[in-house]
């Protein structure tokens, strides 16, 4: 399902926007951790696993929305889920 890949892109945009706001010295460790998460989201392994998970879950009816990356980003950022 291409929805999961679009959700990954949206998560990356949200995380990048949040990283731009992290300027204080005490926030740099968090910024570094978020950048690691972003690197994982961009990896071909993550994309392959996400595609496999989404297909299996949709086939078994165990998920109603394939927005795992966006959900992670919203949780990290403390944003309400849309």
PDB file of N, CA and C in Angstrom:
ATOM      1  N   UNK A   1       0.842  -1.188   0.000  1.00  0.00           N
ATOM      2  CA  UNK A   1       0.000   0.000   0.000  1.00  0.00           C
ATOM      3  C   UNK A   1       0.880   1.242   0.000  1.00  0.00           C
ATOM      4  N   UNK A   2       0.647   2.175  -0.897  1.00  0.00           N
ATOM      5  CA  UNK A   2       1.459   3.375  -0.959  1.00  0.00           C
ATOM      6  C   UNK A   2       1.155   4.330   0.182  1.00  0.00           C
ATOM      7  N   UNK A   3       0.056   4.119   0.879  1.00  0.00           N
ATOM      8  CA  UNK A   3      -0.279   5.001   1.999  1.00  0.00           C
ATOM      9  C   UNK A   3       0.840   5.011   3.026  1.00  0.00           C
ATOM     10  N   UNK A   4       1.416   3.867   3.331  1.00  0.00           N
ATOM     11  CA  UNK A   4       2.456   3.797   4.344  1.00  0.00           C
ATOM     12  C   UNK A   4       3.683   4.599   3.941  1.00  0.00           C
ATOM     13  N   UNK A   5       4.005   4.621   2.644  1.00  0.00           N
ATOM     14  CA  UNK A   5       5.159   5.381   2.196  1.00  0.00           C
ATOM     15  C   UNK A   5       4.876   6.877   2.263  1.00  0.00           C
ATOM     16  N   UNK A   6       3.658   7.279   1.956  1.00  0.00           N
ATOM     17  CA  UNK A   6       3.283   8.673   2.085  1.00  0.00           C
ATOM     18  C   UNK A   6       3.296   9.083   3.543  1.00  0.00           C
ATOM     19  N   UNK A   7       2.878   8.200   4.435  1.00  0.00           N
ATOM     20  CA  UNK A   7       2.896   8.490   5.861  1.00  0.00           C
ATOM     21  C   UNK A   7       4.319   8.629   6.367  1.00  0.00           C
ATOM     22  N   UNK A   8       5.231   7.849   5.826  1.00  0.00           N
ATOM     23  CA  UNK A   8       6.640   7.967   6.194  1.00  0.00           C
ATOM     24  C   UNK A   8       7.154   9.345   5.780  1.00  0.00           C
ATOM     25  N   UNK A   9       6.807   9.778   4.593  1.00  0.00           N
ATOM     26  CA  UNK A   9       7.215  11.106   4.135  1.00  0.00           C
ATOM     27  C   UNK A   9       6.648  12.194   5.047  1.00  0.00           C
ATOM     28  N   UNK A  10       5.409  12.049   5.434  1.00  0.00           N
ATOM     29  CA  UNK A  10       4.778  13.037   6.332  1.00  0.00           C
ATOM     30  C   UNK A  10       5.473  13.032   7.693  1.00  0.00           C
ATOM     31  N   UNK A  11       5.800  11.857   8.200  1.00  0.00           N
ATOM     32  CA  UNK A  11       6.508  11.759   9.477  1.00  0.00           C
ATOM     33  C   UNK A  11       7.862  12.446   9.383  1.00  0.00           C
ATOM     34  N   UNK A  12       8.556  12.243   8.274  1.00  0.00           N
ATOM     35  CA  UNK A  12       9.864  12.877   8.096  1.00  0.00           C
ATOM     36  C   UNK A  12       9.749  14.397   8.063  1.00  0.00           C
ATOM     37  N   UNK A  13       8.718  14.899   7.418  1.00  0.00           N
ATOM     38  CA  UNK A  13       8.494  16.350   7.369  1.00  0.00           C
ATOM     39  C   UNK A  13       8.241  16.882   8.775  1.00  0.00           C
ATOM     40  N   UNK A  14       7.392  16.200   9.538  1.00  0.00           N
ATOM     41  CA  UNK A  14       7.093  16.635  10.902  1.00  0.00           C
ATOM     42  C   UNK A  14       8.330  16.613  11.785  1.00  0.00           C
ATOM     43  N   UNK A  15       9.106  15.547  11.687  1.00  0.00           N
ATOM     44  CA  UNK A  15      10.312  15.438  12.495  1.00  0.00           C
ATOM     45  C   UNK A  15      11.345  16.499  12.104  1.00  0.00           C
ATOM     46  N   UNK A  16      11.474  16.765  10.816  1.00  0.00           N
ATOM     47  CA  UNK A  16      12.409  17.795  10.355  1.00  0.00           C
ATOM     48  C   UNK A  16      11.991  19.171  10.875  1.00  0.00           C
ATOM     49  N   UNK A  17      10.709  19.470  10.815  1.00  0.00           N
ATOM     50  CA  UNK A  17      10.213  20.751  11.325  1.00  0.00           C
ATOM     51  C   UNK A  17      10.500  20.879  12.818  1.00  0.00           C
ATOM     52  N   UNK A  18      10.306  19.800  13.547  1.00  0.00           N
ATOM     53  CA  UNK A  18      10.565  19.813  14.982  1.00  0.00           C
ATOM     54  C   UNK A  18      12.054  20.008  15.258  1.00  0.00           C
ATOM     55  N   UNK A  19      12.911  19.331  14.499  1.00  0.00           N
ATOM     56  CA  UNK A  19      14.362  19.454  14.686  1.00  0.00           C
ATOM     57  C   UNK A  19      14.832  20.892  14.492  1.00  0.00           C
ATOM     58  N   UNK A  20      14.230  21.601  13.575  1.00  0.00           N
ATOM     59  CA  UNK A  20      14.610  22.986  13.324  1.00  0.00           C
ATOM     60  C   UNK A  20      14.364  23.872  14.540  1.00  0.00           C
ATOM     61  N   UNK A  21      13.434  23.462  15.386  1.00  0.00           N
ATOM     62  CA  UNK A  21      13.104  24.237  16.589  1.00  0.00           C
ATOM     63  C   UNK A  21      14.045  23.932  17.754  1.00  0.00           C
ATOM     64  N   UNK A  22      14.816  22.872  17.644  1.00  0.00           N
ATOM     65  CA  UNK A  22      15.713  22.462  18.724  1.00  0.00           C
ATOM     66  C   UNK A  22      17.047  23.177  18.565  1.00  0.00           C
ATOM     67  N   UNK A  23      17.229  24.261  19.295  1.00  0.00           N
ATOM     68  CA  UNK A  23      18.435  25.078  19.157  1.00  0.00           C
ATOM     69  C   UNK A  23      19.248  25.163  20.445  1.00  0.00           C
ATOM     70  N   UNK A  24      18.619  24.925  21.571  1.00  0.00           N
ATOM     71  CA  UNK A  24      19.313  25.039  22.852  1.00  0.00           C
ATOM     72  C   UNK A  24      20.322  23.906  23.006  1.00  0.00           C
ATOM     73  N   UNK A  25      21.420  24.175  23.707  1.00  0.00           N
ATOM     74  CA  UNK A  25      22.430  23.126  23.906  1.00  0.00           C
ATOM     75  C   UNK A  25      21.865  21.856  24.548  1.00  0.00           C
ATOM     76  N   UNK A  26      20.957  22.015  25.487  1.00  0.00           N
ATOM     77  CA  UNK A  26      20.386  20.841  26.162  1.00  0.00           C
ATOM     78  C   UNK A  26      19.432  20.049  25.272  1.00  0.00           C
ATOM     79  N   UNK A  27      19.054  20.591  24.122  1.00  0.00           N
ATOM     80  CA  UNK A  27      18.168  19.908  23.188  1.00  0.00           C
ATOM     81  C   UNK A  27      18.915  19.147  22.089  1.00  0.00           C
ATOM     82  N   UNK A  28      20.222  19.284  22.059  1.00  0.00           N
ATOM     83  CA  UNK A  28      20.996  18.691  20.968  1.00  0.00           C
ATOM     84  C   UNK A  28      21.012  17.161  21.009  1.00  0.00           C
ATOM     85  N   UNK A  29      20.956  16.593  22.209  1.00  0.00           N
ATOM     86  CA  UNK A  29      20.906  15.126  22.302  1.00  0.00           C
ATOM     87  C   UNK A  29      19.588  14.609  21.728  1.00  0.00           C
ATOM     88  N   UNK A  30      18.499  15.295  22.038  1.00  0.00           N
ATOM     89  CA  UNK A  30      17.193  14.926  21.477  1.00  0.00           C
ATOM     90  C   UNK A  30      17.207  15.080  19.964  1.00  0.00           C
ATOM     91  N   UNK A  31      17.795  16.172  19.480  1.00  0.00           N
ATOM     92  CA  UNK A  31      17.878  16.409  18.043  1.00  0.00           C
ATOM     93  C   UNK A  31      18.650  15.283  17.363  1.00  0.00           C
ATOM     94  N   UNK A  32      19.737  14.857  17.968  1.00  0.00           N
ATOM     95  CA  UNK A  32      20.543  13.770  17.415  1.00  0.00           C
ATOM     96  C   UNK A  32      19.732  12.474  17.364  1.00  0.00           C
ATOM     97  N   UNK A  33      18.966  12.188  18.413  1.00  0.00           N
ATOM     98  CA  UNK A  33      18.141  10.971  18.458  1.00  0.00           C
ATOM     99  C   UNK A  33      17.046  11.015  17.389  1.00  0.00           C
ATOM    100  N   UNK A  34      16.436  12.172  17.219  1.00  0.00           N
ATOM    101  CA  UNK A  34      15.387  12.312  16.203  1.00  0.00           C
ATOM    102  C   UNK A  34      15.975  12.116  14.811  1.00  0.00           C
ATOM    103  N   UNK A  35      17.163  12.641  14.577  1.00  0.00           N
ATOM    104  CA  UNK A  35      17.817  12.464  13.276  1.00  0.00           C
ATOM    105  C   UNK A  35      18.121  10.989  13.009  1.00  0.00           C
ATOM    106  N   UNK A  36      18.441  10.232  14.059  1.00  0.00           N
ATOM    107  CA  UNK A  36      18.647   8.784  13.892  1.00  0.00           C
ATOM    108  C   UNK A  36      17.349   8.114  13.463  1.00  0.00           C
ATOM    109  N   UNK A  37      16.248   8.493  14.096  1.00  0.00           N
ATOM    110  CA  UNK A  37      14.941   7.945  13.726  1.00  0.00           C
ATOM    111  C   UNK A  37      14.630   8.289  12.274  1.00  0.00           C
ATOM    112  N   UNK A  38      14.928   9.505  11.883  1.00  0.00           N
ATOM    113  CA  UNK A  38      14.693   9.925  10.502  1.00  0.00           C
ATOM    114  C   UNK A  38      15.514   9.075   9.534  1.00  0.00           C
ATOM    115  N   UNK A  39      16.747   8.785   9.908  1.00  0.00           N
ATOM    116  CA  UNK A  39      17.594   7.938   9.074  1.00  0.00           C
ATOM    117  C   UNK A  39      17.014   6.543   8.919  1.00  0.00           C
ATOM    118  N   UNK A  40      16.453   6.031   9.999  1.00  0.00           N
ATOM    119  CA  UNK A  40      15.814   4.708   9.949  1.00  0.00           C
ATOM    120  C   UNK A  40      14.606   4.748   9.024  1.00  0.00           C
ATOM    121  N   UNK A  41      13.769   5.781   9.151  1.00  0.00           N
ATOM    122  CA  UNK A  41      12.592   5.900   8.290  1.00  0.00           C
ATOM    123  C   UNK A  41      12.981   5.963   6.815  1.00  0.00           C
ATOM    124  N   UNK A  42      14.129   6.565   6.518  1.00  0.00           N
ATOM    125  CA  UNK A  42      14.578   6.717   5.134  1.00  0.00           C
ATOM    126  C   UNK A  42      15.234   5.449   4.582  1.00  0.00           C
ATOM    127  N   UNK A  43      15.596   4.528   5.461  1.00  0.00           N
ATOM    128  CA  UNK A  43      16.331   3.343   5.002  1.00  0.00           C
ATOM    129  C   UNK A  43      15.456   2.417   4.167  1.00  0.00           C
ATOM    130  N   UNK A  44      16.101   1.761   3.212  1.00  0.00           N
ATOM    131  CA  UNK A  44      15.365   0.830   2.350  1.00  0.00           C
ATOM    132  C   UNK A  44      14.883  -0.379   3.153  1.00  0.00           C
ATOM    133  N   UNK A  45      15.628  -0.773   4.182  1.00  0.00           N
ATOM    134  CA  UNK A  45      15.192  -1.890   5.022  1.00  0.00           C
ATOM    135  C   UNK A  45      13.892  -1.545   5.739  1.00  0.00           C
ATOM    136  N   UNK A  46      13.816  -0.355   6.337  1.00  0.00           N
ATOM    137  CA  UNK A  46      12.593   0.053   7.021  1.00  0.00           C
ATOM    138  C   UNK A  46      11.421   0.105   6.047  1.00  0.00           C
ATOM    139  N   UNK A  47      11.644   0.670   4.880  1.00  0.00           N
ATOM    140  CA  UNK A  47      10.575   0.774   3.885  1.00  0.00           C
ATOM    141  C   UNK A  47      10.086  -0.617   3.468  1.00  0.00           C
ATOM    142  N   UNK A  48      11.009  -1.541   3.301  1.00  0.00           N
ATOM    143  CA  UNK A  48      10.625  -2.909   2.921  1.00  0.00           C
ATOM    144  C   UNK A  48       9.835  -3.579   4.048  1.00  0.00           C
ATOM    145  N   UNK A  49      10.318  -3.426   5.273  1.00  0.00           N
ATOM    146  CA  UNK A  49       9.607  -4.023   6.414  1.00  0.00           C
ATOM    147  C   UNK A  49       8.231  -3.401   6.596  1.00  0.00           C
ATOM    148  N   UNK A  50       8.145  -2.096   6.438  1.00  0.00           N
ATOM    149  CA  UNK A  50       6.869  -1.406   6.565  1.00  0.00           C
ATOM    150  C   UNK A  50       5.886  -1.878   5.500  1.00  0.00           C
ATOM    151  N   UNK A  51       6.368  -2.016   4.272  1.00  0.00           N
ATOM    152  CA  UNK A  51       5.503  -2.498   3.193  1.00  0.00           C
ATOM    153  C   UNK A  51       5.014  -3.903   3.460  1.00  0.00           C
ATOM    154  N   UNK A  52       5.901  -4.758   3.953  1.00  0.00           N
ATOM    155  CA  UNK A  52       5.531  -6.133   4.274  1.00  0.00           C
ATOM    156  C   UNK A  52       4.524  -6.171   5.420  1.00  0.00           C
ATOM    157  N   UNK A  53       4.785  -5.393   6.473  1.00  0.00           N
ATOM    158  CA  UNK A  53       3.884  -5.336   7.624  1.00  0.00           C
ATOM    159  C   UNK A  53       2.504  -4.835   7.213  1.00  0.00           C
ATOM    160  N   UNK A  54       2.491  -3.771   6.419  1.00  0.00           N
ATOM    161  CA  UNK A  54       1.220  -3.179   6.001  1.00  0.00           C
ATOM    162  C   UNK A  54       0.403  -4.157   5.173  1.00  0.00           C
ATOM    163  N   UNK A  55       1.059  -4.853   4.242  1.00  0.00           N
ATOM    164  CA  UNK A  55       0.350  -5.828   3.404  1.00  0.00           C
ATOM    165  C   UNK A  55      -0.218  -6.965   4.234  1.00  0.00           C
ATOM    166  N   UNK A  56       0.590  -7.512   5.153  1.00  0.00           N
ATOM    167  CA  UNK A  56       0.126  -8.622   5.995  1.00  0.00           C
ATOM    168  C   UNK A  56      -0.997  -8.182   6.919  1.00  0.00           C
ATOM    169  N   UNK A  57      -0.842  -7.023   7.536  1.00  0.00           N
ATOM    170  CA  UNK A  57      -1.860  -6.546   8.459  1.00  0.00           C
ATOM    171  C   UNK A  57      -3.163  -6.243   7.737  1.00  0.00           C
ATOM    172  N   UNK A  58      -3.074  -5.658   6.555  1.00  0.00           N
ATOM    173  CA  UNK A  58      -4.280  -5.366   5.783  1.00  0.00           C
ATOM    174  C   UNK A  58      -4.967  -6.655   5.349  1.00  0.00           C
ATOM    175  N   UNK A  59      -4.157  -7.636   4.967  1.00  0.00           N
ATOM    176  CA  UNK A  59      -4.700  -8.924   4.534  1.00  0.00           C
ATOM    177  C   UNK A  59      -5.440  -9.624   5.682  1.00  0.00           C
ATOM    178  N   UNK A  60      -4.905  -9.468   6.900  1.00  0.00           N
ATOM    179  CA  UNK A  60      -5.517 -10.120   8.065  1.00  0.00           C
ATOM    180  C   UNK A  60      -6.523  -9.223   8.777  1.00  0.00           C
ATOM    181  N   UNK A  61      -6.651  -7.983   8.310  1.00  0.00           N
ATOM    182  CA  UNK A  61      -7.606  -7.068   8.916  1.00  0.00           C
ATOM    183  C   UNK A  61      -7.223  -6.638  10.320  1.00  0.00           C
ATOM    184  N   UNK A  62      -5.922  -6.632  10.627  1.00  0.00           N
ATOM    185  CA  UNK A  62      -5.503  -6.302  11.995  1.00  0.00           C
ATOM    186  C   UNK A  62      -5.167  -4.841  12.192  1.00  0.00           C
ATOM    187  N   UNK A  63      -5.139  -4.053  11.124  1.00  0.00           N
ATOM    188  CA  UNK A  63      -4.957  -2.612  11.279  1.00  0.00           C
ATOM    189  C   UNK A  63      -6.021  -1.907  10.466  1.00  0.00           C
ATOM    190  N   UNK A  64      -6.418  -0.762  10.974  1.00  0.00           N
ATOM    191  CA  UNK A  64      -7.429  -0.005  10.249  1.00  0.00           C
ATOM    192  C   UNK A  64      -6.821   1.166   9.493  1.00  0.00           C
ATOM    193  N   UNK A  65      -5.590   1.543   9.841  1.00  0.00           N
ATOM    194  CA  UNK A  65      -4.947   2.661   9.172  1.00  0.00           C
ATOM    195  C   UNK A  65      -3.452   2.407   9.126  1.00  0.00           C
ATOM    196  N   UNK A  66      -2.854   2.393   7.936  1.00  0.00           N
ATOM    197  CA  UNK A  66      -1.437   2.050   7.795  1.00  0.00           C
ATOM    198  C   UNK A  66      -0.502   3.232   8.038  1.00  0.00           C
ATOM    199  N   UNK A  67      -0.703   3.956   9.138  1.00  0.00           N
ATOM    200  CA  UNK A  67       0.047   5.176   9.384  1.00  0.00           C
ATOM    201  C   UNK A  67       1.051   5.021  10.520  1.00  0.00           C
ATOM    202  N   UNK A  68       1.770   3.927  10.564  1.00  0.00           N
ATOM    203  CA  UNK A  68       2.718   3.688  11.635  1.00  0.00           C
ATOM    204  C   UNK A  68       3.783   4.770  11.747  1.00  0.00           C
ATOM    205  N   UNK A  69       4.477   5.167  10.679  1.00  0.00           N
ATOM    206  CA  UNK A  69       5.499   6.204  10.821  1.00  0.00           C
ATOM    207  C   UNK A  69       4.931   7.539  11.304  1.00  0.00           C
ATOM    208  N   UNK A  70       3.797   7.936  10.773  1.00  0.00           N
ATOM    209  CA  UNK A  70       3.194   9.190  11.202  1.00  0.00           C
ATOM    210  C   UNK A  70       2.791   9.110  12.669  1.00  0.00           C
ATOM    211  N   UNK A  71       2.268   7.973  13.101  1.00  0.00           N
ATOM    212  CA  UNK A  71       1.894   7.803  14.505  1.00  0.00           C
ATOM    213  C   UNK A  71       3.118   7.929  15.407  1.00  0.00           C
ATOM    214  N   UNK A  72       4.239   7.354  14.989  1.00  0.00           N
ATOM    215  CA  UNK A  72       5.475   7.476  15.763  1.00  0.00           C
ATOM    216  C   UNK A  72       5.899   8.934  15.845  1.00  0.00           C
ATOM    217  N   UNK A  73       5.854   9.634  14.731  1.00  0.00           N
ATOM    218  CA  UNK A  73       6.243  11.047  14.720  1.00  0.00           C
ATOM    219  C   UNK A  73       5.331  11.864  15.623  1.00  0.00           C
ATOM    220  N   UNK A  74       4.028  11.635  15.540  1.00  0.00           N
ATOM    221  CA  UNK A  74       3.107  12.364  16.395  1.00  0.00           C
ATOM    222  C   UNK A  74       3.383  12.078  17.866  1.00  0.00           C
ATOM    223  N   UNK A  75       3.691  10.829  18.202  1.00  0.00           N
ATOM    224  CA  UNK A  75       4.000  10.486  19.586  1.00  0.00           C
ATOM    225  C   UNK A  75       5.279  11.177  20.044  1.00  0.00           C
ATOM    226  N   UNK A  76       6.299  11.171  19.209  1.00  0.00           N
ATOM    227  CA  UNK A  76       7.568  11.832  19.549  1.00  0.00           C
ATOM    228  C   UNK A  76       7.359  13.317  19.765  1.00  0.00           C
ATOM    229  N   UNK A  77       6.560  13.921  18.918  1.00  0.00           N
ATOM    230  CA  UNK A  77       6.350  15.347  18.969  1.00  0.00           C
ATOM    231  C   UNK A  77       5.272  15.764  19.967  1.00  0.00           C
ATOM    232  N   UNK A  78       4.519  14.796  20.471  1.00  0.00           N
ATOM    233  CA  UNK A  78       3.445  15.129  21.407  1.00  0.00           C
ATOM    234  C   UNK A  78       2.279  15.797  20.736  1.00  0.00           C
ATOM    235  N   UNK A  79       2.085  15.551  19.448  1.00  0.00           N
ATOM    236  CA  UNK A  79       1.004  16.168  18.684  1.00  0.00           C
ATOM    237  C   UNK A  79      -0.259  15.321  18.790  1.00  0.00           C
ATOM    238  N   UNK A  80      -1.407  15.980  18.720  1.00  0.00           N
ATOM    239  CA  UNK A  80      -2.639  15.197  18.646  1.00  0.00           C
ATOM    240  C   UNK A  80      -2.707  14.475  17.305  1.00  0.00           C
ATOM    241  N   UNK A  81      -3.233  13.289  17.315  1.00  0.00           N
ATOM    242  CA  UNK A  81      -3.355  12.505  16.073  1.00  0.00           C
ATOM    243  C   UNK A  81      -4.508  13.028  15.247  1.00  0.00           C
ATOM    244  N   UNK A  82      -4.252  13.208  13.967  1.00  0.00           N
ATOM    245  CA  UNK A  82      -5.271  13.772  13.063  1.00  0.00           C
ATOM    246  C   UNK A  82      -5.949  12.638  12.344  1.00  0.00           C
TER     247      UNK A  82
END
